[in-house]
Amino acid sequence: MANIDKAAIAFSIAIVAVGVGFAAYAGYAQDIAPVAKAPVIANTEPKTQVDPMASIAEKVKSAAATTEKTTELKEEVKMETEPAPPVETEPAPPVETSEPKTVSVIIPAGTSSPGCETTNECYTPASVTINVGDTVEWDNVDTAAHTVTGGSPADGPSGVFDSSLVMGKAKYSHTFDNAGSYDYFCMVHPWMVGKVIVN
């Protein structure tokens, strides 16, 4: 900014000096020119000598002032538009949707042999909690056929739901319309047990 002001002042002084030089030369040339008599015309208005360089100097001064004002405005705008520090807000709680959803349960590979019951991984997850109207879909990724039968190995089928045989790489789903706790098991491999809790 200071460099622009210094340059503008130096330019203005140079223009004025050139103008003064032209004026002095014009006065000198006029002094040595032959004098011719001309008729005298009375003029009541005072004569003012116009400096041709004065308008250029004024334009330079005006441009320098405009540049200063533009720079000042830019600084003001910059100060006004600096971003405010971020305001920390707590995230909104998740919105519970009333639309029915489907929950997936996997029948893992290798469950046709005993052992999965020790880690409670015969159905994964072994227990799911859903809402009334939701659906549970069992996906048999094992090569052996299994069943998803409501009830327990000790009491037998409850009759609420039964997939019959779900072949390897096949799926079975059931929609739960009533609240309650539903145990289920595989009739072919009775060590396989799971639970659906419906709210």
N, C-alpha and C. Protein backbone atom coordinates (compact mmCIF):
# COMPACT_ATOMS: atom_id res chain seq x y z
N MET A 1 0.84 -1.18 0.00
CA MET A 1 0.00 0.00 0.00
C MET A 1 0.88 1.24 0.00
N ALA A 2 1.93 1.27 0.82
CA ALA A 2 2.83 2.42 0.90
C ALA A 2 3.57 2.58 -0.41
N ASN A 3 3.93 1.47 -1.06
CA ASN A 3 4.64 1.54 -2.35
C ASN A 3 3.75 2.16 -3.41
N ILE A 4 2.46 1.84 -3.41
CA ILE A 4 1.52 2.40 -4.39
C ILE A 4 1.39 3.90 -4.17
N ASP A 5 1.28 4.35 -2.88
CA ASP A 5 1.17 5.78 -2.57
C ASP A 5 2.41 6.51 -3.02
N LYS A 6 3.59 5.96 -2.73
CA LYS A 6 4.84 6.62 -3.12
C LYS A 6 4.95 6.71 -4.64
N ALA A 7 4.54 5.65 -5.32
CA ALA A 7 4.61 5.65 -6.78
C ALA A 7 3.64 6.68 -7.36
N ALA A 8 2.44 6.77 -6.77
CA ALA A 8 1.44 7.72 -7.27
C ALA A 8 1.93 9.15 -7.05
N ILE A 9 2.54 9.43 -5.91
CA ILE A 9 3.04 10.78 -5.61
C ILE A 9 4.18 11.12 -6.55
N ALA A 10 5.09 10.18 -6.77
CA ALA A 10 6.23 10.43 -7.66
C ALA A 10 5.74 10.68 -9.07
N PHE A 11 4.75 9.91 -9.51
CA PHE A 11 4.20 10.08 -10.86
C PHE A 11 3.55 11.45 -10.99
N SER A 12 2.80 11.85 -9.95
CA SER A 12 2.13 13.17 -9.96
C SER A 12 3.15 14.29 -10.05
N ILE A 13 4.23 14.18 -9.28
CA ILE A 13 5.27 15.23 -9.28
C ILE A 13 5.93 15.29 -10.65
N ALA A 14 6.17 14.12 -11.24
CA ALA A 14 6.81 14.10 -12.57
C ALA A 14 5.91 14.78 -13.60
N ILE A 15 4.61 14.51 -13.53
CA ILE A 15 3.68 15.13 -14.50
C ILE A 15 3.64 16.64 -14.31
N VAL A 16 3.60 17.07 -13.06
CA VAL A 16 3.57 18.51 -12.78
C VAL A 16 4.86 19.15 -13.28
N ALA A 17 5.99 18.51 -13.07
CA ALA A 17 7.27 19.06 -13.52
C ALA A 17 7.30 19.19 -15.04
N VAL A 18 6.78 18.17 -15.73
CA VAL A 18 6.73 18.23 -17.19
C VAL A 18 5.82 19.37 -17.63
N GLY A 19 4.68 19.50 -16.92
CA GLY A 19 3.74 20.59 -17.26
C GLY A 19 4.37 21.96 -17.07
N VAL A 20 5.09 22.13 -15.97
CA VAL A 20 5.76 23.42 -15.70
C VAL A 20 6.81 23.67 -16.78
N GLY A 21 7.51 22.63 -17.18
CA GLY A 21 8.52 22.78 -18.22
C GLY A 21 7.89 23.22 -19.54
N PHE A 22 6.75 22.58 -19.91
CA PHE A 22 6.05 22.98 -21.14
C PHE A 22 5.57 24.43 -21.04
N ALA A 23 5.05 24.80 -19.88
CA ALA A 23 4.54 26.17 -19.70
C ALA A 23 5.68 27.18 -19.81
N ALA A 24 6.81 26.83 -19.19
CA ALA A 24 7.95 27.75 -19.26
C ALA A 24 8.44 27.88 -20.69
N TYR A 25 8.50 26.72 -21.40
CA TYR A 25 8.95 26.76 -22.79
C TYR A 25 7.97 27.56 -23.65
N ALA A 26 6.67 27.37 -23.39
CA ALA A 26 5.66 28.10 -24.16
C ALA A 26 5.80 29.59 -23.91
N GLY A 27 6.08 29.98 -22.63
CA GLY A 27 6.27 31.42 -22.33
C GLY A 27 7.51 31.96 -23.01
N TYR A 28 8.59 31.17 -23.01
CA TYR A 28 9.83 31.60 -23.66
C TYR A 28 9.61 31.73 -25.16
N ALA A 29 8.94 30.77 -25.75
CA ALA A 29 8.69 30.81 -27.20
C ALA A 29 7.83 32.01 -27.55
N GLN A 30 6.92 32.33 -26.68
CA GLN A 30 6.03 33.46 -26.94
C GLN A 30 6.82 34.77 -26.85
N ASP A 31 7.79 34.80 -25.91
CA ASP A 31 8.58 36.02 -25.73
C ASP A 31 9.47 36.30 -26.93
N ILE A 32 9.98 35.27 -27.59
CA ILE A 32 10.91 35.50 -28.70
C ILE A 32 10.20 35.51 -30.06
N ALA A 33 8.91 35.24 -30.08
CA ALA A 33 8.18 35.24 -31.34
C ALA A 33 7.99 36.67 -31.83
N PRO A 34 7.96 36.85 -33.19
CA PRO A 34 7.72 38.21 -33.70
C PRO A 34 6.34 38.70 -33.27
N VAL A 35 6.28 39.95 -32.99
CA VAL A 35 5.04 40.54 -32.51
C VAL A 35 4.29 41.10 -33.71
N ALA A 36 3.07 40.73 -33.80
CA ALA A 36 2.21 41.26 -34.87
C ALA A 36 1.09 42.02 -34.20
N LYS A 37 0.79 43.13 -34.79
CA LYS A 37 -0.28 43.93 -34.24
C LYS A 37 -1.59 43.33 -34.65
N ALA A 38 -2.45 43.17 -33.71
CA ALA A 38 -3.78 42.63 -33.98
C ALA A 38 -4.78 43.60 -33.40
N PRO A 39 -5.94 43.57 -34.00
CA PRO A 39 -6.95 44.48 -33.45
C PRO A 39 -7.26 44.09 -32.00
N VAL A 40 -7.46 45.10 -31.21
CA VAL A 40 -7.75 44.87 -29.82
C VAL A 40 -9.24 44.67 -29.66
N ILE A 41 -9.57 43.54 -29.05
CA ILE A 41 -10.98 43.24 -28.80
C ILE A 41 -11.16 43.30 -27.29
N ALA A 42 -12.10 44.09 -26.93
CA ALA A 42 -12.32 44.26 -25.50
C ALA A 42 -13.00 43.01 -24.95
N ASN A 43 -12.40 42.46 -23.93
CA ASN A 43 -12.96 41.28 -23.29
C ASN A 43 -13.03 41.58 -21.81
N THR A 44 -14.24 41.49 -21.29
CA THR A 44 -14.41 41.84 -19.88
C THR A 44 -14.07 40.68 -18.95
N GLU A 45 -14.06 39.46 -19.50
CA GLU A 45 -13.75 38.31 -18.66
C GLU A 45 -12.25 38.22 -18.43
N PRO A 46 -11.87 37.91 -17.20
CA PRO A 46 -10.43 37.77 -16.96
C PRO A 46 -9.90 36.52 -17.65
N LYS A 47 -8.70 36.64 -18.17
CA LYS A 47 -8.07 35.51 -18.86
C LYS A 47 -7.42 34.59 -17.84
N THR A 48 -7.73 33.31 -17.97
CA THR A 48 -7.06 32.33 -17.13
C THR A 48 -6.30 31.39 -18.03
N GLN A 49 -5.12 31.12 -17.65
CA GLN A 49 -4.29 30.22 -18.43
C GLN A 49 -4.55 28.80 -17.92
N VAL A 50 -4.90 27.90 -18.87
CA VAL A 50 -5.20 26.51 -18.51
C VAL A 50 -3.96 25.67 -18.70
N ASP A 51 -3.60 24.97 -17.64
CA ASP A 51 -2.44 24.07 -17.69
C ASP A 51 -2.91 22.74 -18.25
N PRO A 52 -2.43 22.31 -19.43
CA PRO A 52 -2.89 21.05 -20.02
C PRO A 52 -2.51 19.83 -19.16
N MET A 53 -1.50 19.96 -18.34
CA MET A 53 -1.08 18.83 -17.51
C MET A 53 -1.86 18.74 -16.20
N ALA A 54 -2.60 19.80 -15.87
CA ALA A 54 -3.31 19.81 -14.59
C ALA A 54 -4.39 18.73 -14.55
N SER A 55 -5.10 18.54 -15.67
CA SER A 55 -6.16 17.51 -15.67
C SER A 55 -5.57 16.11 -15.52
N ILE A 56 -4.40 15.87 -16.08
CA ILE A 56 -3.76 14.55 -15.94
C ILE A 56 -3.34 14.34 -14.49
N ALA A 57 -2.79 15.37 -13.86
CA ALA A 57 -2.38 15.25 -12.47
C ALA A 57 -3.59 14.97 -11.58
N GLU A 58 -4.72 15.65 -11.87
CA GLU A 58 -5.94 15.41 -11.08
C GLU A 58 -6.42 13.96 -11.23
N LYS A 59 -6.32 13.43 -12.47
CA LYS A 59 -6.74 12.04 -12.70
C LYS A 59 -5.85 11.07 -11.91
N VAL A 60 -4.55 11.36 -11.86
CA VAL A 60 -3.64 10.49 -11.12
C VAL A 60 -3.98 10.54 -9.63
N LYS A 61 -4.23 11.74 -9.10
CA LYS A 61 -4.59 11.88 -7.69
C LYS A 61 -5.89 11.14 -7.40
N SER A 62 -6.87 11.27 -8.31
CA SER A 62 -8.16 10.61 -8.13
C SER A 62 -8.00 9.09 -8.13
N ALA A 63 -7.16 8.60 -9.07
CA ALA A 63 -6.93 7.15 -9.14
C ALA A 63 -6.26 6.64 -7.87
N ALA A 64 -5.31 7.41 -7.34
CA ALA A 64 -4.63 7.00 -6.11
C ALA A 64 -5.61 6.96 -4.94
N ALA A 65 -6.51 7.97 -4.87
CA ALA A 65 -7.51 8.00 -3.80
C ALA A 65 -8.47 6.84 -3.92
N THR A 66 -8.87 6.51 -5.16
CA THR A 66 -9.79 5.40 -5.40
C THR A 66 -9.13 4.08 -4.98
N THR A 67 -7.85 3.93 -5.31
CA THR A 67 -7.13 2.72 -4.94
C THR A 67 -7.08 2.58 -3.41
N GLU A 68 -6.82 3.69 -2.71
CA GLU A 68 -6.80 3.65 -1.25
C GLU A 68 -8.16 3.24 -0.69
N LYS A 69 -9.24 3.85 -1.23
CA LYS A 69 -10.58 3.54 -0.74
C LYS A 69 -10.93 2.08 -1.02
N THR A 70 -10.57 1.59 -2.21
CA THR A 70 -10.86 0.19 -2.56
C THR A 70 -10.14 -0.75 -1.60
N THR A 71 -8.87 -0.43 -1.30
CA THR A 71 -8.11 -1.28 -0.38
C THR A 71 -8.73 -1.25 1.01
N GLU A 72 -9.14 -0.04 1.45
CA GLU A 72 -9.79 0.06 2.77
C GLU A 72 -11.08 -0.75 2.80
N LEU A 73 -11.88 -0.65 1.73
CA LEU A 73 -13.13 -1.41 1.67
C LEU A 73 -12.87 -2.91 1.69
N LYS A 74 -11.84 -3.34 0.95
CA LYS A 74 -11.51 -4.77 0.94
C LYS A 74 -11.15 -5.24 2.35
N GLU A 75 -10.38 -4.41 3.09
CA GLU A 75 -10.01 -4.78 4.45
C GLU A 75 -11.24 -4.86 5.34
N GLU A 76 -12.19 -3.89 5.17
CA GLU A 76 -13.41 -3.91 5.98
C GLU A 76 -14.24 -5.16 5.67
N VAL A 77 -14.38 -5.46 4.38
CA VAL A 77 -15.16 -6.64 3.98
C VAL A 77 -14.49 -7.90 4.51
N LYS A 78 -13.17 -7.95 4.44
CA LYS A 78 -12.45 -9.13 4.94
C LYS A 78 -12.71 -9.31 6.43
N MET A 79 -12.69 -8.19 7.18
CA MET A 79 -12.93 -8.29 8.61
C MET A 79 -14.36 -8.73 8.89
N GLU A 80 -15.33 -8.25 8.08
CA GLU A 80 -16.73 -8.59 8.31
C GLU A 80 -17.04 -10.03 7.92
N THR A 81 -16.32 -10.56 6.93
CA THR A 81 -16.66 -11.89 6.42
C THR A 81 -15.80 -13.00 7.00
N GLU A 82 -14.92 -12.68 7.96
CA GLU A 82 -14.14 -13.76 8.57
C GLU A 82 -15.10 -14.70 9.28
N PRO A 83 -14.91 -16.01 9.09
CA PRO A 83 -15.85 -16.95 9.68
C PRO A 83 -15.82 -16.92 11.19
N ALA A 84 -17.00 -17.03 11.76
CA ALA A 84 -17.11 -17.07 13.21
C ALA A 84 -16.62 -18.43 13.69
N PRO A 85 -16.14 -18.50 14.91
CA PRO A 85 -15.70 -19.81 15.41
C PRO A 85 -16.86 -20.79 15.42
N PRO A 86 -16.59 -22.05 15.12
CA PRO A 86 -17.69 -23.02 15.05
C PRO A 86 -18.37 -23.20 16.40
N VAL A 87 -19.66 -23.31 16.33
CA VAL A 87 -20.44 -23.53 17.54
C VAL A 87 -20.70 -25.02 17.66
N GLU A 88 -20.29 -25.59 18.77
CA GLU A 88 -20.47 -27.02 18.95
C GLU A 88 -21.91 -27.30 19.35
N THR A 89 -22.53 -28.19 18.60
CA THR A 89 -23.90 -28.58 18.92
C THR A 89 -23.93 -30.09 19.10
N GLU A 90 -24.82 -30.51 19.94
CA GLU A 90 -24.96 -31.95 20.15
C GLU A 90 -25.71 -32.55 18.98
N PRO A 91 -25.29 -33.72 18.52
CA PRO A 91 -26.00 -34.34 17.41
C PRO A 91 -27.43 -34.69 17.81
N ALA A 92 -28.31 -34.58 16.85
CA ALA A 92 -29.71 -34.89 17.11
C ALA A 92 -29.85 -36.39 17.38
N PRO A 93 -30.72 -36.74 18.30
CA PRO A 93 -30.91 -38.17 18.56
C PRO A 93 -31.50 -38.86 17.33
N PRO A 94 -31.16 -40.12 17.12
CA PRO A 94 -31.70 -40.81 15.95
C PRO A 94 -33.22 -40.85 16.00
N VAL A 95 -33.80 -40.66 14.85
CA VAL A 95 -35.26 -40.65 14.76
C VAL A 95 -35.76 -42.08 14.62
N GLU A 96 -36.63 -42.44 15.50
CA GLU A 96 -37.22 -43.78 15.43
C GLU A 96 -38.27 -43.77 14.33
N THR A 97 -38.12 -44.66 13.38
CA THR A 97 -39.12 -44.75 12.32
C THR A 97 -40.11 -45.84 12.66
N SER A 98 -41.34 -45.60 12.29
CA SER A 98 -42.38 -46.59 12.59
C SER A 98 -42.51 -47.61 11.46
N GLU A 99 -41.72 -47.45 10.42
CA GLU A 99 -41.79 -48.39 9.32
C GLU A 99 -41.21 -49.73 9.74
N PRO A 100 -41.81 -50.80 9.30
CA PRO A 100 -41.26 -52.13 9.64
C PRO A 100 -39.87 -52.32 9.05
N LYS A 101 -39.04 -53.04 9.76
CA LYS A 101 -37.70 -53.31 9.26
C LYS A 101 -37.47 -54.81 9.23
N THR A 102 -36.41 -55.20 8.54
CA THR A 102 -36.04 -56.61 8.45
C THR A 102 -34.68 -56.79 9.11
N VAL A 103 -34.61 -57.77 10.03
CA VAL A 103 -33.37 -58.08 10.73
C VAL A 103 -32.87 -59.42 10.20
N SER A 104 -31.58 -59.48 9.93
CA SER A 104 -31.00 -60.69 9.35
C SER A 104 -30.31 -61.53 10.41
N VAL A 105 -30.55 -62.85 10.35
CA VAL A 105 -29.87 -63.82 11.22
C VAL A 105 -29.20 -64.83 10.29
N ILE A 106 -27.94 -65.11 10.54
CA ILE A 106 -27.17 -66.04 9.71
C ILE A 106 -27.16 -67.43 10.35
N ILE A 107 -27.34 -68.45 9.52
CA ILE A 107 -27.11 -69.84 9.95
C ILE A 107 -25.71 -70.17 9.43
N PRO A 108 -24.69 -70.11 10.29
CA PRO A 108 -23.30 -70.24 9.84
C PRO A 108 -22.95 -71.63 9.29
N ALA A 109 -21.89 -71.67 8.51
CA ALA A 109 -21.37 -72.94 7.99
C ALA A 109 -20.83 -73.77 9.15
N GLY A 110 -21.03 -75.07 9.07
CA GLY A 110 -20.50 -75.98 10.06
C GLY A 110 -21.40 -76.22 11.25
N THR A 111 -22.59 -75.64 11.27
CA THR A 111 -23.49 -75.81 12.42
C THR A 111 -24.19 -77.16 12.41
N SER A 112 -24.03 -77.93 11.34
CA SER A 112 -24.66 -79.25 11.30
C SER A 112 -23.90 -80.24 12.19
N SER A 113 -22.73 -79.84 12.70
CA SER A 113 -21.97 -80.66 13.65
C SER A 113 -22.03 -79.99 15.02
N PRO A 114 -22.17 -80.77 16.09
CA PRO A 114 -22.22 -80.16 17.43
C PRO A 114 -20.97 -79.33 17.71
N GLY A 115 -21.12 -78.32 18.56
CA GLY A 115 -19.99 -77.46 18.94
C GLY A 115 -20.38 -75.99 18.95
N CYS A 116 -21.27 -75.60 18.04
CA CYS A 116 -21.66 -74.19 17.98
C CYS A 116 -22.46 -73.77 19.21
N GLU A 117 -23.09 -74.75 19.88
CA GLU A 117 -23.90 -74.42 21.05
C GLU A 117 -23.03 -73.98 22.23
N THR A 118 -21.75 -74.37 22.24
CA THR A 118 -20.87 -73.98 23.34
C THR A 118 -20.53 -72.48 23.30
N THR A 119 -20.54 -71.90 22.13
CA THR A 119 -20.25 -70.46 21.99
C THR A 119 -21.51 -69.67 21.65
N ASN A 120 -22.67 -70.37 21.64
CA ASN A 120 -23.95 -69.72 21.34
C ASN A 120 -23.94 -69.06 19.96
N GLU A 121 -23.33 -69.76 18.98
CA GLU A 121 -23.21 -69.21 17.63
C GLU A 121 -23.82 -70.13 16.58
N CYS A 122 -24.86 -70.89 16.95
CA CYS A 122 -25.52 -71.75 15.97
C CYS A 122 -26.40 -70.91 15.04
N TYR A 123 -26.97 -69.84 15.58
CA TYR A 123 -27.64 -68.81 14.80
C TYR A 123 -26.92 -67.51 15.19
N THR A 124 -26.57 -66.70 14.22
CA THR A 124 -25.82 -65.48 14.52
C THR A 124 -26.59 -64.24 14.06
N PRO A 125 -27.02 -63.37 14.97
CA PRO A 125 -26.88 -63.48 16.42
C PRO A 125 -27.88 -64.48 16.99
N ALA A 126 -27.57 -65.00 18.16
CA ALA A 126 -28.43 -66.02 18.78
C ALA A 126 -29.74 -65.42 19.27
N SER A 127 -29.73 -64.11 19.61
CA SER A 127 -30.94 -63.45 20.09
C SER A 127 -31.07 -62.10 19.39
N VAL A 128 -32.27 -61.80 18.88
CA VAL A 128 -32.52 -60.49 18.25
C VAL A 128 -33.74 -59.86 18.92
N THR A 129 -33.72 -58.52 18.99
CA THR A 129 -34.85 -57.77 19.54
C THR A 129 -35.41 -56.89 18.44
N ILE A 130 -36.72 -57.02 18.21
CA ILE A 130 -37.38 -56.27 17.15
C ILE A 130 -38.66 -55.65 17.69
N ASN A 131 -39.36 -54.90 16.83
CA ASN A 131 -40.65 -54.33 17.18
C ASN A 131 -41.76 -55.11 16.48
N VAL A 132 -42.97 -54.96 16.98
CA VAL A 132 -44.12 -55.62 16.36
C VAL A 132 -44.20 -55.16 14.90
N GLY A 133 -44.38 -56.07 14.00
CA GLY A 133 -44.47 -55.76 12.57
C GLY A 133 -43.16 -55.93 11.82
N ASP A 134 -42.06 -56.12 12.57
CA ASP A 134 -40.76 -56.32 11.92
C ASP A 134 -40.63 -57.78 11.47
N THR A 135 -39.68 -57.98 10.57
CA THR A 135 -39.45 -59.31 10.00
C THR A 135 -38.04 -59.78 10.35
N VAL A 136 -37.91 -61.07 10.62
CA VAL A 136 -36.59 -61.68 10.79
C VAL A 136 -36.37 -62.59 9.59
N GLU A 137 -35.18 -62.45 8.99
CA GLU A 137 -34.83 -63.28 7.83
C GLU A 137 -33.60 -64.12 8.19
N TRP A 138 -33.77 -65.44 8.09
CA TRP A 138 -32.67 -66.36 8.37
C TRP A 138 -32.01 -66.73 7.05
N ASP A 139 -30.70 -66.59 6.98
CA ASP A 139 -29.93 -66.86 5.76
C ASP A 139 -29.02 -68.05 6.05
N ASN A 140 -29.31 -69.19 5.40
CA ASN A 140 -28.52 -70.41 5.61
C ASN A 140 -27.31 -70.39 4.70
N VAL A 141 -26.15 -70.04 5.25
CA VAL A 141 -24.92 -70.04 4.46
C VAL A 141 -24.17 -71.37 4.58
N ASP A 142 -24.78 -72.32 5.33
CA ASP A 142 -24.20 -73.65 5.47
C ASP A 142 -24.55 -74.47 4.22
N THR A 143 -23.85 -75.58 4.03
CA THR A 143 -24.17 -76.47 2.91
C THR A 143 -25.26 -77.46 3.31
N ALA A 144 -25.46 -77.65 4.61
CA ALA A 144 -26.48 -78.59 5.10
C ALA A 144 -27.83 -77.88 5.24
N ALA A 145 -28.92 -78.64 5.16
CA ALA A 145 -30.26 -78.10 5.35
C ALA A 145 -30.54 -77.98 6.85
N HIS A 146 -31.29 -76.93 7.22
CA HIS A 146 -31.66 -76.67 8.61
C HIS A 146 -33.13 -76.25 8.65
N THR A 147 -33.69 -76.17 9.87
CA THR A 147 -35.02 -75.61 10.03
C THR A 147 -34.95 -74.45 11.02
N VAL A 148 -35.94 -73.57 10.92
CA VAL A 148 -36.15 -72.51 11.91
C VAL A 148 -37.56 -72.77 12.41
N THR A 149 -37.65 -73.40 13.57
CA THR A 149 -38.93 -73.86 14.09
C THR A 149 -39.20 -73.24 15.46
N GLY A 150 -40.34 -72.56 15.60
CA GLY A 150 -40.70 -71.98 16.88
C GLY A 150 -40.87 -73.06 17.92
N GLY A 151 -40.35 -72.83 19.14
CA GLY A 151 -40.41 -73.81 20.22
C GLY A 151 -39.03 -74.09 20.76
N SER A 152 -38.89 -75.27 21.39
CA SER A 152 -37.59 -75.65 21.96
C SER A 152 -37.39 -77.15 21.79
N PRO A 153 -36.13 -77.64 21.83
CA PRO A 153 -35.89 -79.07 21.69
C PRO A 153 -36.57 -79.87 22.80
N ALA A 154 -36.69 -79.31 24.00
CA ALA A 154 -37.29 -80.04 25.12
C ALA A 154 -38.80 -80.12 24.98
N ASP A 155 -39.46 -79.02 24.54
CA ASP A 155 -40.92 -78.97 24.48
C ASP A 155 -41.47 -79.24 23.07
N GLY A 156 -40.59 -79.21 22.06
CA GLY A 156 -41.05 -79.44 20.69
C GLY A 156 -41.55 -78.16 20.04
N PRO A 157 -42.10 -78.28 18.82
CA PRO A 157 -42.56 -77.10 18.09
C PRO A 157 -43.75 -76.43 18.79
N SER A 158 -43.76 -75.07 18.72
CA SER A 158 -44.85 -74.29 19.32
C SER A 158 -45.98 -74.06 18.32
N GLY A 159 -45.66 -74.20 17.05
CA GLY A 159 -46.66 -73.98 16.01
C GLY A 159 -46.77 -72.52 15.58
N VAL A 160 -45.99 -71.61 16.19
CA VAL A 160 -46.06 -70.19 15.82
C VAL A 160 -45.43 -69.96 14.44
N PHE A 161 -44.27 -70.55 14.20
CA PHE A 161 -43.64 -70.45 12.86
C PHE A 161 -42.77 -71.67 12.65
N ASP A 162 -42.63 -72.04 11.38
CA ASP A 162 -41.80 -73.20 11.02
C ASP A 162 -41.39 -73.04 9.57
N SER A 163 -40.10 -73.12 9.31
CA SER A 163 -39.57 -72.91 7.96
C SER A 163 -39.62 -74.17 7.11
N SER A 164 -39.84 -75.33 7.74
CA SER A 164 -39.56 -76.61 7.07
C SER A 164 -38.07 -76.62 6.77
N LEU A 165 -37.62 -77.40 5.80
CA LEU A 165 -36.18 -77.45 5.52
C LEU A 165 -35.75 -76.21 4.73
N VAL A 166 -34.74 -75.56 5.25
CA VAL A 166 -34.12 -74.43 4.52
C VAL A 166 -32.82 -74.99 3.97
N MET A 167 -32.79 -75.18 2.66
CA MET A 167 -31.62 -75.78 2.02
C MET A 167 -30.42 -74.84 2.11
N GLY A 168 -29.22 -75.39 1.89
CA GLY A 168 -28.00 -74.59 1.91
C GLY A 168 -28.09 -73.46 0.89
N LYS A 169 -27.67 -72.27 1.27
CA LYS A 169 -27.66 -71.05 0.45
C LYS A 169 -29.06 -70.51 0.22
N ALA A 170 -30.06 -70.96 0.99
CA ALA A 170 -31.44 -70.46 0.87
C ALA A 170 -31.78 -69.61 2.08
N LYS A 171 -32.95 -68.93 2.04
CA LYS A 171 -33.39 -68.04 3.12
C LYS A 171 -34.81 -68.36 3.53
N TYR A 172 -35.15 -67.96 4.76
CA TYR A 172 -36.51 -68.06 5.26
C TYR A 172 -36.77 -66.81 6.10
N SER A 173 -37.99 -66.24 5.98
CA SER A 173 -38.31 -65.06 6.79
C SER A 173 -39.68 -65.21 7.42
N HIS A 174 -39.87 -64.52 8.55
CA HIS A 174 -41.15 -64.54 9.26
C HIS A 174 -41.37 -63.15 9.86
N THR A 175 -42.60 -62.63 9.71
CA THR A 175 -42.98 -61.34 10.29
C THR A 175 -43.70 -61.59 11.61
N PHE A 176 -43.28 -60.88 12.65
CA PHE A 176 -43.84 -61.06 13.98
C PHE A 176 -44.87 -59.95 14.25
N ASP A 177 -46.14 -60.35 14.37
CA ASP A 177 -47.23 -59.39 14.55
C ASP A 177 -47.64 -59.20 16.01
N ASN A 178 -47.10 -60.01 16.91
CA ASN A 178 -47.47 -59.92 18.33
C ASN A 178 -46.22 -59.82 19.18
N ALA A 179 -46.32 -59.01 20.25
CA ALA A 179 -45.20 -58.87 21.18
C ALA A 179 -45.02 -60.17 21.96
N GLY A 180 -43.80 -60.42 22.39
CA GLY A 180 -43.53 -61.62 23.17
C GLY A 180 -42.11 -62.09 22.96
N SER A 181 -41.78 -63.20 23.59
CA SER A 181 -40.47 -63.82 23.47
C SER A 181 -40.65 -65.17 22.78
N TYR A 182 -39.94 -65.36 21.66
CA TYR A 182 -40.12 -66.55 20.83
C TYR A 182 -38.81 -67.32 20.74
N ASP A 183 -38.79 -68.52 21.38
CA ASP A 183 -37.64 -69.41 21.23
C ASP A 183 -37.81 -70.20 19.94
N TYR A 184 -36.68 -70.56 19.32
CA TYR A 184 -36.74 -71.41 18.12
C TYR A 184 -35.52 -72.32 18.10
N PHE A 185 -35.60 -73.36 17.26
CA PHE A 185 -34.51 -74.33 17.17
C PHE A 185 -34.54 -74.98 15.80
N CYS A 186 -33.51 -75.81 15.52
CA CYS A 186 -33.46 -76.59 14.28
C CYS A 186 -33.90 -78.01 14.62
N MET A 187 -34.94 -78.49 13.95
CA MET A 187 -35.45 -79.83 14.24
C MET A 187 -34.46 -80.91 13.79
N VAL A 188 -33.63 -80.62 12.79
CA VAL A 188 -32.66 -81.60 12.30
C VAL A 188 -31.44 -81.62 13.21
N HIS A 189 -31.06 -80.48 13.75
CA HIS A 189 -29.86 -80.37 14.61
C HIS A 189 -30.31 -79.66 15.90
N PRO A 190 -30.87 -80.40 16.85
CA PRO A 190 -31.52 -79.78 18.01
C PRO A 190 -30.61 -79.00 18.96
N TRP A 191 -29.31 -79.06 18.80
CA TRP A 191 -28.43 -78.23 19.63
C TRP A 191 -28.46 -76.77 19.16
N MET A 192 -29.01 -76.55 17.97
CA MET A 192 -29.09 -75.19 17.42
C MET A 192 -30.34 -74.50 18.00
N VAL A 193 -30.13 -73.45 18.81
CA VAL A 193 -31.27 -72.73 19.41
C VAL A 193 -31.04 -71.22 19.26
N GLY A 194 -32.17 -70.47 19.21
CA GLY A 194 -32.11 -69.02 19.12
C GLY A 194 -33.33 -68.40 19.74
N LYS A 195 -33.40 -67.07 19.76
CA LYS A 195 -34.54 -66.38 20.37
C LYS A 195 -34.83 -65.08 19.64
N VAL A 196 -36.14 -64.77 19.52
CA VAL A 196 -36.60 -63.48 18.97
C VAL A 196 -37.42 -62.81 20.04
N ILE A 197 -37.06 -61.58 20.43
CA ILE A 197 -37.83 -60.79 21.41
C ILE A 197 -38.54 -59.68 20.65
N VAL A 198 -39.87 -59.67 20.75
CA VAL A 198 -40.66 -58.68 20.02
C VAL A 198 -41.26 -57.69 21.01
N ASN A 199 -40.93 -56.40 20.87
CA ASN A 199 -41.46 -55.34 21.75
C ASN A 199 -42.76 -54.79 21.20
